[in-house]
Amino acid sequence: MTIVQILRLLAVALLLAAGQISFKLTADTLPRTDRLVGLLRWPALGWLSLALGIYAVATLLWVLALSETPLSRAYPFMLVSFTLVPLAAAVLFGENLGWSYGLGMALVLAGLALVMKAG
């Protein structure tokens, strides 16, 4: 894989993580009553629109990445978003991860490194 392919795949993972954080911000701004209607009101609508826009850009970048990279080599990069989202949740929302969560994320990233080395 070239550095451009790797950077593109990392950008997709970063965008997906940002989208997930935006979805959480959407959820946190919903009123406690009638949450479905609350999605149509500001500020929830703003966060939701941002999340969907980020996901749209990520999808376009993903398709571009797949035009140059085999799916079997590209898909493991989604693991990066699985580590970024919990880290962001800990920093932004005060969620507790614990040492075992950190160890698990390190193992996930080690797995990605092995997959990258494989071919």
PDB file of N, CA and C in Angstrom:
ATOM      1  N   MET A   1       0.836  -1.180   0.000  1.00  0.00           N
ATOM      2  CA  MET A   1       0.000   0.000   0.000  1.00  0.00           C
ATOM      3  C   MET A   1       0.879   1.241   0.000  1.00  0.00           C
ATOM      4  N   THR A   2       0.438   2.246  -0.718  1.00  0.00           N
ATOM      5  CA  THR A   2       1.184   3.500  -0.748  1.00  0.00           C
ATOM      6  C   THR A   2       0.791   4.366   0.449  1.00  0.00           C
ATOM      7  N   ILE A   3       1.600   5.361   0.711  1.00  0.00           N
ATOM      8  CA  ILE A   3       1.311   6.274   1.814  1.00  0.00           C
ATOM      9  C   ILE A   3       0.006   7.031   1.555  1.00  0.00           C
ATOM     10  N   VAL A   4      -0.272   7.349   0.297  1.00  0.00           N
ATOM     11  CA  VAL A   4      -1.520   8.048  -0.038  1.00  0.00           C
ATOM     12  C   VAL A   4      -2.728   7.151   0.273  1.00  0.00           C
ATOM     13  N   GLN A   5      -2.635   5.877  -0.055  1.00  0.00           N
ATOM     14  CA  GLN A   5      -3.727   4.949   0.251  1.00  0.00           C
ATOM     15  C   GLN A   5      -3.940   4.843   1.761  1.00  0.00           C
ATOM     16  N   ILE A   6      -2.849   4.728   2.503  1.00  0.00           N
ATOM     17  CA  ILE A   6      -2.945   4.625   3.955  1.00  0.00           C
ATOM     18  C   ILE A   6      -3.547   5.898   4.548  1.00  0.00           C
ATOM     19  N   LEU A   7      -3.087   7.052   4.100  1.00  0.00           N
ATOM     20  CA  LEU A   7      -3.621   8.317   4.605  1.00  0.00           C
ATOM     21  C   LEU A   7      -5.100   8.474   4.270  1.00  0.00           C
ATOM     22  N   ARG A   8      -5.490   8.049   3.083  1.00  0.00           N
ATOM     23  CA  ARG A   8      -6.894   8.130   2.694  1.00  0.00           C
ATOM     24  C   ARG A   8      -7.749   7.241   3.606  1.00  0.00           C
ATOM     25  N   LEU A   9      -7.275   6.034   3.873  1.00  0.00           N
ATOM     26  CA  LEU A   9      -8.014   5.117   4.741  1.00  0.00           C
ATOM     27  C   LEU A   9      -8.073   5.630   6.181  1.00  0.00           C
ATOM     28  N   LEU A  10      -6.985   6.217   6.648  1.00  0.00           N
ATOM     29  CA  LEU A  10      -6.990   6.813   7.987  1.00  0.00           C
ATOM     30  C   LEU A  10      -7.947   8.003   8.053  1.00  0.00           C
ATOM     31  N   ALA A  11      -8.019   8.775   6.964  1.00  0.00           N
ATOM     32  CA  ALA A  11      -8.957   9.896   6.919  1.00  0.00           C
ATOM     33  C   ALA A  11     -10.396   9.407   7.009  1.00  0.00           C
ATOM     34  N   VAL A  12     -10.696   8.305   6.326  1.00  0.00           N
ATOM     35  CA  VAL A  12     -12.046   7.729   6.417  1.00  0.00           C
ATOM     36  C   VAL A  12     -12.355   7.343   7.858  1.00  0.00           C
ATOM     37  N   ALA A  13     -11.423   6.673   8.509  1.00  0.00           N
ATOM     38  CA  ALA A  13     -11.624   6.261   9.902  1.00  0.00           C
ATOM     39  C   ALA A  13     -11.816   7.473  10.807  1.00  0.00           C
ATOM     40  N   LEU A  14     -11.038   8.511  10.597  1.00  0.00           N
ATOM     41  CA  LEU A  14     -11.162   9.726  11.393  1.00  0.00           C
ATOM     42  C   LEU A  14     -12.526  10.394  11.169  1.00  0.00           C
ATOM     43  N   LEU A  15     -12.960  10.445   9.927  1.00  0.00           N
ATOM     44  CA  LEU A  15     -14.270  11.027   9.623  1.00  0.00           C
ATOM     45  C   LEU A  15     -15.399  10.215  10.253  1.00  0.00           C
ATOM     46  N   LEU A  16     -15.291   8.896  10.188  1.00  0.00           N
ATOM     47  CA  LEU A  16     -16.323   8.062  10.819  1.00  0.00           C
ATOM     48  C   LEU A  16     -16.376   8.296  12.326  1.00  0.00           C
ATOM     49  N   ALA A  17     -15.212   8.445  12.932  1.00  0.00           N
ATOM     50  CA  ALA A  17     -15.175   8.728  14.374  1.00  0.00           C
ATOM     51  C   ALA A  17     -15.812  10.085  14.661  1.00  0.00           C
ATOM     52  N   ALA A  18     -15.496  11.083  13.856  1.00  0.00           N
ATOM     53  CA  ALA A  18     -16.090  12.415  14.036  1.00  0.00           C
ATOM     54  C   ALA A  18     -17.601  12.353  13.857  1.00  0.00           C
ATOM     55  N   GLY A  19     -18.060  11.555  12.920  1.00  0.00           N
ATOM     56  CA  GLY A  19     -19.495  11.387  12.725  1.00  0.00           C
ATOM     57  C   GLY A  19     -20.156  10.770  13.943  1.00  0.00           C
ATOM     58  N   GLN A  20     -19.517   9.786  14.545  1.00  0.00           N
ATOM     59  CA  GLN A  20     -20.075   9.152  15.739  1.00  0.00           C
ATOM     60  C   GLN A  20     -20.151  10.137  16.908  1.00  0.00           C
ATOM     61  N   ILE A  21     -19.133  10.957  17.052  1.00  0.00           N
ATOM     62  CA  ILE A  21     -19.159  11.974  18.104  1.00  0.00           C
ATOM     63  C   ILE A  21     -20.296  12.959  17.841  1.00  0.00           C
ATOM     64  N   SER A  22     -20.497  13.319  16.584  1.00  0.00           N
ATOM     65  CA  SER A  22     -21.605  14.221  16.239  1.00  0.00           C
ATOM     66  C   SER A  22     -22.960  13.571  16.526  1.00  0.00           C
ATOM     67  N   PHE A  23     -23.075  12.275  16.284  1.00  0.00           N
ATOM     68  CA  PHE A  23     -24.322  11.574  16.622  1.00  0.00           C
ATOM     69  C   PHE A  23     -24.556  11.612  18.135  1.00  0.00           C
ATOM     70  N   LYS A  24     -23.494  11.438  18.924  1.00  0.00           N
ATOM     71  CA  LYS A  24     -23.631  11.493  20.382  1.00  0.00           C
ATOM     72  C   LYS A  24     -24.050  12.892  20.823  1.00  0.00           C
ATOM     73  N   LEU A  25     -23.449  13.916  20.206  1.00  0.00           N
ATOM     74  CA  LEU A  25     -23.839  15.288  20.533  1.00  0.00           C
ATOM     75  C   LEU A  25     -25.301  15.533  20.166  1.00  0.00           C
ATOM     76  N   THR A  26     -25.751  14.933  19.073  1.00  0.00           N
ATOM     77  CA  THR A  26     -27.164  15.015  18.695  1.00  0.00           C
ATOM     78  C   THR A  26     -28.016  14.423  19.807  1.00  0.00           C
ATOM     79  N   ALA A  27     -27.671  13.231  20.234  1.00  0.00           N
ATOM     80  CA  ALA A  27     -28.442  12.543  21.264  1.00  0.00           C
ATOM     81  C   ALA A  27     -28.456  13.326  22.572  1.00  0.00           C
ATOM     82  N   ASP A  28     -27.338  13.937  22.910  1.00  0.00           N
ATOM     83  CA  ASP A  28     -27.244  14.678  24.169  1.00  0.00           C
ATOM     84  C   ASP A  28     -28.057  15.973  24.166  1.00  0.00           C
ATOM     85  N   THR A  29     -28.398  16.480  22.978  1.00  0.00           N
ATOM     86  CA  THR A  29     -29.167  17.721  22.907  1.00  0.00           C
ATOM     87  C   THR A  29     -30.669  17.477  22.778  1.00  0.00           C
ATOM     88  N   LEU A  30     -31.067  16.213  22.681  1.00  0.00           N
ATOM     89  CA  LEU A  30     -32.493  15.919  22.542  1.00  0.00           C
ATOM     90  C   LEU A  30     -33.231  16.184  23.847  1.00  0.00           C
ATOM     91  N   PRO A  31     -34.435  16.714  23.756  1.00  0.00           N
ATOM     92  CA  PRO A  31     -35.229  16.895  24.975  1.00  0.00           C
ATOM     93  C   PRO A  31     -35.590  15.536  25.568  1.00  0.00           C
ATOM     94  N   ARG A  32     -35.822  15.505  26.842  1.00  0.00           N
ATOM     95  CA  ARG A  32     -36.143  14.244  27.528  1.00  0.00           C
ATOM     96  C   ARG A  32     -37.517  13.712  27.112  1.00  0.00           C
ATOM     97  N   THR A  33     -38.363  14.595  26.638  1.00  0.00           N
ATOM     98  CA  THR A  33     -39.685  14.165  26.169  1.00  0.00           C
ATOM     99  C   THR A  33     -39.736  14.312  24.658  1.00  0.00           C
ATOM    100  N   ASP A  34     -40.411  13.427  24.012  1.00  0.00           N
ATOM    101  CA  ASP A  34     -40.618  13.455  22.560  1.00  0.00           C
ATOM    102  C   ASP A  34     -39.306  13.647  21.792  1.00  0.00           C
ATOM    103  N   ARG A  35     -38.435  12.707  21.936  1.00  0.00           N
ATOM    104  CA  ARG A  35     -37.106  12.790  21.330  1.00  0.00           C
ATOM    105  C   ARG A  35     -37.138  12.779  19.804  1.00  0.00           C
ATOM    106  N   LEU A  36     -38.114  12.086  19.238  1.00  0.00           N
ATOM    107  CA  LEU A  36     -38.191  12.041  17.773  1.00  0.00           C
ATOM    108  C   LEU A  36     -38.452  13.424  17.205  1.00  0.00           C
ATOM    109  N   VAL A  37     -39.378  14.153  17.782  1.00  0.00           N
ATOM    110  CA  VAL A  37     -39.654  15.525  17.343  1.00  0.00           C
ATOM    111  C   VAL A  37     -38.454  16.416  17.641  1.00  0.00           C
ATOM    112  N   GLY A  38     -37.760  16.131  18.731  1.00  0.00           N
ATOM    113  CA  GLY A  38     -36.585  16.914  19.095  1.00  0.00           C
ATOM    114  C   GLY A  38     -35.489  16.867  18.050  1.00  0.00           C
ATOM    115  N   LEU A  39     -35.447  15.816  17.244  1.00  0.00           N
ATOM    116  CA  LEU A  39     -34.449  15.731  16.171  1.00  0.00           C
ATOM    117  C   LEU A  39     -34.641  16.819  15.124  1.00  0.00           C
ATOM    118  N   LEU A  40     -35.834  17.352  15.035  1.00  0.00           N
ATOM    119  CA  LEU A  40     -36.148  18.362  14.025  1.00  0.00           C
ATOM    120  C   LEU A  40     -35.946  19.789  14.531  1.00  0.00           C
ATOM    121  N   ARG A  41     -35.473  19.927  15.755  1.00  0.00           N
ATOM    122  CA  ARG A  41     -35.256  21.249  16.351  1.00  0.00           C
ATOM    123  C   ARG A  41     -33.775  21.500  16.572  1.00  0.00           C
ATOM    124  N   TRP A  42     -33.426  22.761  16.522  1.00  0.00           N
ATOM    125  CA  TRP A  42     -32.065  23.162  16.812  1.00  0.00           C
ATOM    126  C   TRP A  42     -31.839  23.042  18.305  1.00  0.00           C
ATOM    127  N   PRO A  43     -30.735  22.598  18.847  1.00  0.00           N
ATOM    128  CA  PRO A  43     -29.466  22.309  18.180  1.00  0.00           C
ATOM    129  C   PRO A  43     -29.315  20.874  17.683  1.00  0.00           C
ATOM    130  N   ALA A  44     -30.246  19.984  18.027  1.00  0.00           N
ATOM    131  CA  ALA A  44     -30.099  18.583  17.601  1.00  0.00           C
ATOM    132  C   ALA A  44     -30.016  18.476  16.089  1.00  0.00           C
ATOM    133  N   LEU A  45     -30.832  19.237  15.382  1.00  0.00           N
ATOM    134  CA  LEU A  45     -30.824  19.177  13.917  1.00  0.00           C
ATOM    135  C   LEU A  45     -29.466  19.592  13.362  1.00  0.00           C
ATOM    136  N   GLY A  46     -28.841  20.560  14.005  1.00  0.00           N
ATOM    137  CA  GLY A  46     -27.513  20.997  13.561  1.00  0.00           C
ATOM    138  C   GLY A  46     -26.474  19.901  13.711  1.00  0.00           C
ATOM    139  N   TRP A  47     -26.461  19.259  14.890  1.00  0.00           N
ATOM    140  CA  TRP A  47     -25.499  18.171  15.116  1.00  0.00           C
ATOM    141  C   TRP A  47     -25.788  16.994  14.196  1.00  0.00           C
ATOM    142  N   LEU A  48     -27.068  16.685  14.005  1.00  0.00           N
ATOM    143  CA  LEU A  48     -27.437  15.579  13.123  1.00  0.00           C
ATOM    144  C   LEU A  48     -27.025  15.870  11.689  1.00  0.00           C
ATOM    145  N   SER A  49     -27.254  17.088  11.242  1.00  0.00           N
ATOM    146  CA  SER A  49     -26.851  17.474   9.888  1.00  0.00           C
ATOM    147  C   SER A  49     -25.340  17.369   9.720  1.00  0.00           C
ATOM    148  N   LEU A  50     -24.608  17.813  10.726  1.00  0.00           N
ATOM    149  CA  LEU A  50     -23.151  17.703  10.679  1.00  0.00           C
ATOM    150  C   LEU A  50     -22.731  16.242  10.582  1.00  0.00           C
ATOM    151  N   ALA A  51     -23.317  15.389  11.416  1.00  0.00           N
ATOM    152  CA  ALA A  51     -22.967  13.964  11.409  1.00  0.00           C
ATOM    153  C   ALA A  51     -23.244  13.339  10.045  1.00  0.00           C
ATOM    154  N   LEU A  52     -24.397  13.626   9.482  1.00  0.00           N
ATOM    155  CA  LEU A  52     -24.744  13.054   8.177  1.00  0.00           C
ATOM    156  C   LEU A  52     -23.832  13.590   7.072  1.00  0.00           C
ATOM    157  N   GLY A  53     -23.478  14.864   7.164  1.00  0.00           N
ATOM    158  CA  GLY A  53     -22.548  15.437   6.187  1.00  0.00           C
ATOM    159  C   GLY A  53     -21.176  14.798   6.267  1.00  0.00           C
ATOM    160  N   ILE A  54     -20.702  14.587   7.495  1.00  0.00           N
ATOM    161  CA  ILE A  54     -19.405  13.928   7.689  1.00  0.00           C
ATOM    162  C   ILE A  54     -19.452  12.515   7.116  1.00  0.00           C
ATOM    163  N   TYR A  55     -20.535  11.811   7.385  1.00  0.00           N
ATOM    164  CA  TYR A  55     -20.668  10.455   6.861  1.00  0.00           C
ATOM    165  C   TYR A  55     -20.732  10.446   5.332  1.00  0.00           C
ATOM    166  N   ALA A  56     -21.347  11.457   4.737  1.00  0.00           N
ATOM    167  CA  ALA A  56     -21.394  11.541   3.272  1.00  0.00           C
ATOM    168  C   ALA A  56     -19.992  11.708   2.699  1.00  0.00           C
ATOM    169  N   VAL A  57     -19.215  12.598   3.293  1.00  0.00           N
ATOM    170  CA  VAL A  57     -17.830  12.797   2.836  1.00  0.00           C
ATOM    171  C   VAL A  57     -17.016  11.528   3.046  1.00  0.00           C
ATOM    172  N   ALA A  58     -17.177  10.891   4.191  1.00  0.00           N
ATOM    173  CA  ALA A  58     -16.452   9.649   4.481  1.00  0.00           C
ATOM    174  C   ALA A  58     -16.810   8.568   3.468  1.00  0.00           C
ATOM    175  N   THR A  59     -18.072   8.489   3.099  1.00  0.00           N
ATOM    176  CA  THR A  59     -18.505   7.481   2.128  1.00  0.00           C
ATOM    177  C   THR A  59     -17.862   7.725   0.765  1.00  0.00           C
ATOM    178  N   LEU A  60     -17.838   8.961   0.326  1.00  0.00           N
ATOM    179  CA  LEU A  60     -17.211   9.279  -0.961  1.00  0.00           C
ATOM    180  C   LEU A  60     -15.720   8.962  -0.927  1.00  0.00           C
ATOM    181  N   LEU A  61     -15.063   9.310   0.161  1.00  0.00           N
ATOM    182  CA  LEU A  61     -13.635   9.016   0.296  1.00  0.00           C
ATOM    183  C   LEU A  61     -13.390   7.510   0.362  1.00  0.00           C
ATOM    184  N   TRP A  62     -14.292   6.773   0.991  1.00  0.00           N
ATOM    185  CA  TRP A  62     -14.185   5.315   1.091  1.00  0.00           C
ATOM    186  C   TRP A  62     -14.279   4.685  -0.296  1.00  0.00           C
ATOM    187  N   VAL A  63     -15.221   5.136  -1.102  1.00  0.00           N
ATOM    188  CA  VAL A  63     -15.363   4.601  -2.455  1.00  0.00           C
ATOM    189  C   VAL A  63     -14.110   4.909  -3.270  1.00  0.00           C
ATOM    190  N   LEU A  64     -13.585   6.111  -3.120  1.00  0.00           N
ATOM    191  CA  LEU A  64     -12.336   6.462  -3.802  1.00  0.00           C
ATOM    192  C   LEU A  64     -11.206   5.546  -3.344  1.00  0.00           C
ATOM    193  N   ALA A  65     -11.117   5.309  -2.046  1.00  0.00           N
ATOM    194  CA  ALA A  65     -10.069   4.426  -1.519  1.00  0.00           C
ATOM    195  C   ALA A  65     -10.218   3.014  -2.078  1.00  0.00           C
ATOM    196  N   LEU A  66     -11.454   2.537  -2.168  1.00  0.00           N
ATOM    197  CA  LEU A  66     -11.677   1.176  -2.678  1.00  0.00           C
ATOM    198  C   LEU A  66     -11.394   1.051  -4.169  1.00  0.00           C
ATOM    199  N   SER A  67     -11.373   2.170  -4.874  1.00  0.00           N
ATOM    200  CA  SER A  67     -11.033   2.111  -6.296  1.00  0.00           C
ATOM    201  C   SER A  67      -9.550   1.816  -6.505  1.00  0.00           C
ATOM    202  N   GLU A  68      -8.751   2.000  -5.432  1.00  0.00           N
ATOM    203  CA  GLU A  68      -7.303   1.792  -5.531  1.00  0.00           C
ATOM    204  C   GLU A  68      -6.775   0.704  -4.605  1.00  0.00           C
ATOM    205  N   THR A  69      -7.605   0.259  -3.672  1.00  0.00           N
ATOM    206  CA  THR A  69      -7.145  -0.649  -2.634  1.00  0.00           C
ATOM    207  C   THR A  69      -8.106  -1.829  -2.524  1.00  0.00           C
ATOM    208  N   PRO A  70      -7.601  -3.048  -2.472  1.00  0.00           N
ATOM    209  CA  PRO A  70      -8.499  -4.191  -2.277  1.00  0.00           C
ATOM    210  C   PRO A  70      -9.267  -4.059  -0.960  1.00  0.00           C
ATOM    211  N   LEU A  71     -10.507  -4.481  -0.966  1.00  0.00           N
ATOM    212  CA  LEU A  71     -11.355  -4.396   0.223  1.00  0.00           C
ATOM    213  C   LEU A  71     -10.733  -5.128   1.410  1.00  0.00           C
ATOM    214  N   SER A  72     -10.121  -6.274   1.137  1.00  0.00           N
ATOM    215  CA  SER A  72      -9.519  -7.059   2.219  1.00  0.00           C
ATOM    216  C   SER A  72      -8.369  -6.322   2.894  1.00  0.00           C
ATOM    217  N   ARG A  73      -7.745  -5.396   2.190  1.00  0.00           N
ATOM    218  CA  ARG A  73      -6.646  -4.606   2.765  1.00  0.00           C
ATOM    219  C   ARG A  73      -7.163  -3.303   3.368  1.00  0.00           C
ATOM    220  N   ALA A  74      -8.250  -2.780   2.818  1.00  0.00           N
ATOM    221  CA  ALA A  74      -8.778  -1.493   3.276  1.00  0.00           C
ATOM    222  C   ALA A  74      -9.633  -1.623   4.528  1.00  0.00           C
ATOM    223  N   TYR A  75     -10.465  -2.650   4.578  1.00  0.00           N
ATOM    224  CA  TYR A  75     -11.451  -2.739   5.648  1.00  0.00           C
ATOM    225  C   TYR A  75     -10.850  -2.782   7.051  1.00  0.00           C
ATOM    226  N   PRO A  76      -9.727  -3.441   7.271  1.00  0.00           N
ATOM    227  CA  PRO A  76      -9.152  -3.425   8.619  1.00  0.00           C
ATOM    228  C   PRO A  76      -8.864  -2.021   9.159  1.00  0.00           C
ATOM    229  N   PHE A  77      -8.753  -1.025   8.297  1.00  0.00           N
ATOM    230  CA  PHE A  77      -8.516   0.339   8.764  1.00  0.00           C
ATOM    231  C   PHE A  77      -9.715   0.906   9.518  1.00  0.00           C
ATOM    232  N   MET A  78     -10.855   0.273   9.370  1.00  0.00           N
ATOM    233  CA  MET A  78     -12.022   0.712  10.146  1.00  0.00           C
ATOM    234  C   MET A  78     -11.776   0.496  11.644  1.00  0.00           C
ATOM    235  N   LEU A  79     -10.832  -0.384  11.975  1.00  0.00           N
ATOM    236  CA  LEU A  79     -10.472  -0.605  13.375  1.00  0.00           C
ATOM    237  C   LEU A  79      -9.967   0.674  14.039  1.00  0.00           C
ATOM    238  N   VAL A  80      -9.388   1.553  13.253  1.00  0.00           N
ATOM    239  CA  VAL A  80      -8.888   2.808  13.808  1.00  0.00           C
ATOM    240  C   VAL A  80     -10.045   3.615  14.399  1.00  0.00           C
ATOM    241  N   SER A  81     -11.178   3.629  13.697  1.00  0.00           N
ATOM    242  CA  SER A  81     -12.325   4.377  14.230  1.00  0.00           C
ATOM    243  C   SER A  81     -12.849   3.724  15.505  1.00  0.00           C
ATOM    244  N   PHE A  82     -12.708   2.408  15.625  1.00  0.00           N
ATOM    245  CA  PHE A  82     -13.158   1.711  16.831  1.00  0.00           C
ATOM    246  C   PHE A  82     -12.295   2.056  18.042  1.00  0.00           C
ATOM    247  N   THR A  83     -11.112   2.598  17.808  1.00  0.00           N
ATOM    248  CA  THR A  83     -10.289   3.049  18.922  1.00  0.00           C
ATOM    249  C   THR A  83     -10.435   4.558  19.148  1.00  0.00           C
ATOM    250  N   LEU A  84     -10.622   5.319  18.077  1.00  0.00           N
ATOM    251  CA  LEU A  84     -10.757   6.768  18.212  1.00  0.00           C
ATOM    252  C   LEU A  84     -12.043   7.175  18.916  1.00  0.00           C
ATOM    253  N   VAL A  85     -13.139   6.496  18.605  1.00  0.00           N
ATOM    254  CA  VAL A  85     -14.431   6.879  19.197  1.00  0.00           C
ATOM    255  C   VAL A  85     -14.413   6.737  20.721  1.00  0.00           C
ATOM    256  N   PRO A  86     -13.992   5.605  21.277  1.00  0.00           N
ATOM    257  CA  PRO A  86     -13.944   5.518  22.742  1.00  0.00           C
ATOM    258  C   PRO A  86     -12.987   6.533  23.376  1.00  0.00           C
ATOM    259  N   LEU A  87     -11.848   6.776  22.727  1.00  0.00           N
ATOM    260  CA  LEU A  87     -10.923   7.781  23.261  1.00  0.00           C
ATOM    261  C   LEU A  87     -11.566   9.159  23.284  1.00  0.00           C
ATOM    262  N   ALA A  88     -12.238   9.514  22.204  1.00  0.00           N
ATOM    263  CA  ALA A  88     -12.931  10.802  22.157  1.00  0.00           C
ATOM    264  C   ALA A  88     -14.049  10.852  23.187  1.00  0.00           C
ATOM    265  N   ALA A  89     -14.751   9.738  23.373  1.00  0.00           N
ATOM    266  CA  ALA A  89     -15.830   9.692  24.367  1.00  0.00           C
ATOM    267  C   ALA A  89     -15.281   9.915  25.770  1.00  0.00           C
ATOM    268  N   ALA A  90     -14.115   9.379  26.036  1.00  0.00           N
ATOM    269  CA  ALA A  90     -13.496   9.576  27.347  1.00  0.00           C
ATOM    270  C   ALA A  90     -13.115  11.038  27.547  1.00  0.00           C
ATOM    271  N   VAL A  91     -12.534  11.647  26.512  1.00  0.00           N
ATOM    272  CA  VAL A  91     -12.082  13.035  26.617  1.00  0.00           C
ATOM    273  C   VAL A  91     -13.262  14.006  26.625  1.00  0.00           C
ATOM    274  N   LEU A  92     -14.189  13.835  25.708  1.00  0.00           N
ATOM    275  CA  LEU A  92     -15.277  14.808  25.533  1.00  0.00           C
ATOM    276  C   LEU A  92     -16.458  14.613  26.473  1.00  0.00           C
ATOM    277  N   PHE A  93     -16.734  13.363  26.824  1.00  0.00           N
ATOM    278  CA  PHE A  93     -17.935  13.083  27.606  1.00  0.00           C
ATOM    279  C   PHE A  93     -17.634  12.488  28.978  1.00  0.00           C
ATOM    280  N   GLY A  94     -16.350  12.357  29.301  1.00  0.00           N
ATOM    281  CA  GLY A  94     -15.968  11.844  30.604  1.00  0.00           C
ATOM    282  C   GLY A  94     -16.275  10.370  30.816  1.00  0.00           C
ATOM    283  N   GLU A  95     -16.418   9.615  29.731  1.00  0.00           N
ATOM    284  CA  GLU A  95     -16.698   8.184  29.866  1.00  0.00           C
ATOM    285  C   GLU A  95     -15.458   7.458  30.374  1.00  0.00           C
ATOM    286  N   ASN A  96     -15.662   6.497  31.242  1.00  0.00           N
ATOM    287  CA  ASN A  96     -14.571   5.748  31.846  1.00  0.00           C
ATOM    288  C   ASN A  96     -14.266   4.513  30.992  1.00  0.00           C
ATOM    289  N   LEU A  97     -13.016   4.371  30.599  1.00  0.00           N
ATOM    290  CA  LEU A  97     -12.632   3.227  29.776  1.00  0.00           C
ATOM    291  C   LEU A  97     -11.945   2.125  30.578  1.00  0.00           C
ATOM    292  N   GLY A  98     -11.108   2.485  31.515  1.00  0.00           N
ATOM    293  CA  GLY A  98     -10.405   1.481  32.307  1.00  0.00           C
ATOM    294  C   GLY A  98      -9.208   0.892  31.569  1.00  0.00           C
ATOM    295  N   TRP A  99      -8.378   0.218  32.349  1.00  0.00           N
ATOM    296  CA  TRP A  99      -7.130  -0.324  31.790  1.00  0.00           C
ATOM    297  C   TRP A  99      -7.392  -1.459  30.804  1.00  0.00           C
ATOM    298  N   SER A 100      -8.399  -2.284  31.047  1.00  0.00           N
ATOM    299  CA  SER A 100      -8.652  -3.407  30.143  1.00  0.00           C
ATOM    300  C   SER A 100      -9.144  -2.913  28.782  1.00  0.00           C
ATOM    301  N   TYR A 101      -9.874  -1.827  28.788  1.00  0.00           N
ATOM    302  CA  TYR A 101     -10.317  -1.239  27.519  1.00  0.00           C
ATOM    303  C   TYR A 101      -9.107  -0.739  26.733  1.00  0.00           C
ATOM    304  N   GLY A 102      -8.188  -0.083  27.447  1.00  0.00           N
ATOM    305  CA  GLY A 102      -6.967   0.398  26.796  1.00  0.00           C
ATOM    306  C   GLY A 102      -6.142  -0.745  26.229  1.00  0.00           C
ATOM    307  N   LEU A 103      -6.048  -1.824  26.969  1.00  0.00           N
ATOM    308  CA  LEU A 103      -5.323  -2.996  26.488  1.00  0.00           C
ATOM    309  C   LEU A 103      -6.003  -3.575  25.248  1.00  0.00           C
ATOM    310  N   GLY A 104      -7.312  -3.653  25.283  1.00  0.00           N
ATOM    311  CA  GLY A 104      -8.047  -4.162  24.123  1.00  0.00           C
ATOM    312  C   GLY A 104      -7.824  -3.308  22.892  1.00  0.00           C
ATOM    313  N   MET A 105      -7.839  -1.986  23.064  1.00  0.00           N
ATOM    314  CA  MET A 105      -7.606  -1.095  21.926  1.00  0.00           C
ATOM    315  C   MET A 105      -6.183  -1.258  21.393  1.00  0.00           C
ATOM    316  N   ALA A 106      -5.227  -1.444  22.285  1.00  0.00           N
ATOM    317  CA  ALA A 106      -3.850  -1.670  21.839  1.00  0.00           C
ATOM    318  C   ALA A 106      -3.748  -2.958  21.033  1.00  0.00           C
ATOM    319  N   LEU A 107      -4.449  -4.003  21.467  1.00  0.00           N
ATOM    320  CA  LEU A 107      -4.443  -5.264  20.726  1.00  0.00           C
ATOM    321  C   LEU A 107      -5.101  -5.101  19.352  1.00  0.00           C
ATOM    322  N   VAL A 108      -6.164  -4.316  19.285  1.00  0.00           N
ATOM    323  CA  VAL A 108      -6.825  -4.056  18.003  1.00  0.00           C
ATOM    324  C   VAL A 108      -5.850  -3.373  17.048  1.00  0.00           C
ATOM    325  N   LEU A 109      -5.151  -2.366  17.531  1.00  0.00           N
ATOM    326  CA  LEU A 109      -4.191  -1.654  16.677  1.00  0.00           C
ATOM    327  C   LEU A 109      -3.011  -2.546  16.300  1.00  0.00           C
ATOM    328  N   ALA A 110      -2.602  -3.432  17.214  1.00  0.00           N
ATOM    329  CA  ALA A 110      -1.545  -4.394  16.876  1.00  0.00           C
ATOM    330  C   ALA A 110      -2.026  -5.329  15.770  1.00  0.00           C
ATOM    331  N   GLY A 111      -3.272  -5.711  15.830  1.00  0.00           N
ATOM    332  CA  GLY A 111      -3.839  -6.540  14.754  1.00  0.00           C
ATOM    333  C   GLY A 111      -3.820  -5.825  13.429  1.00  0.00           C
ATOM    334  N   LEU A 112      -4.145  -4.539  13.425  1.00  0.00           N
ATOM    335  CA  LEU A 112      -4.088  -3.760  12.193  1.00  0.00           C
ATOM    336  C   LEU A 112      -2.660  -3.719  11.658  1.00  0.00           C
ATOM    337  N   ALA A 113      -1.699  -3.539  12.541  1.00  0.00           N
ATOM    338  CA  ALA A 113      -0.295  -3.515  12.111  1.00  0.00           C
ATOM    339  C   ALA A 113       0.092  -4.848  11.473  1.00  0.00           C
ATOM    340  N   LEU A 114      -0.390  -5.958  12.028  1.00  0.00           N
ATOM    341  CA  LEU A 114      -0.093  -7.265  11.448  1.00  0.00           C
ATOM    342  C   LEU A 114      -0.716  -7.421  10.066  1.00  0.00           C
ATOM    343  N   VAL A 115      -1.933  -6.947   9.927  1.00  0.00           N
ATOM    344  CA  VAL A 115      -2.604  -7.032   8.629  1.00  0.00           C
ATOM    345  C   VAL A 115      -1.858  -6.190   7.592  1.00  0.00           C
ATOM    346  N   MET A 116      -1.415  -5.009   7.981  1.00  0.00           N
ATOM    347  CA  MET A 116      -0.664  -4.157   7.047  1.00  0.00           C
ATOM    348  C   MET A 116       0.646  -4.823   6.644  1.00  0.00           C
ATOM    349  N   LYS A 117       1.267  -5.500   7.575  1.00  0.00           N
ATOM    350  CA  LYS A 117       2.557  -6.165   7.313  1.00  0.00           C
ATOM    351  C   LYS A 117       2.384  -7.385   6.413  1.00  0.00           C
ATOM    352  N   ALA A 118       1.188  -7.967   6.427  1.00  0.00           N
ATOM    353  CA  ALA A 118       0.944  -9.229   5.736  1.00  0.00           C
ATOM    354  C   ALA A 118       1.051  -9.141   4.226  1.00  0.00           C
ATOM    355  N   GLY A 119       0.896  -7.984   3.677  1.00  0.00           N
ATOM    356  CA  GLY A 119       0.941  -8.038   2.235  1.00  0.00           C
ATOM    357  C   GLY A 119       1.088  -6.742   1.595  1.00  0.00           C
TER     358      GLY A 119
END
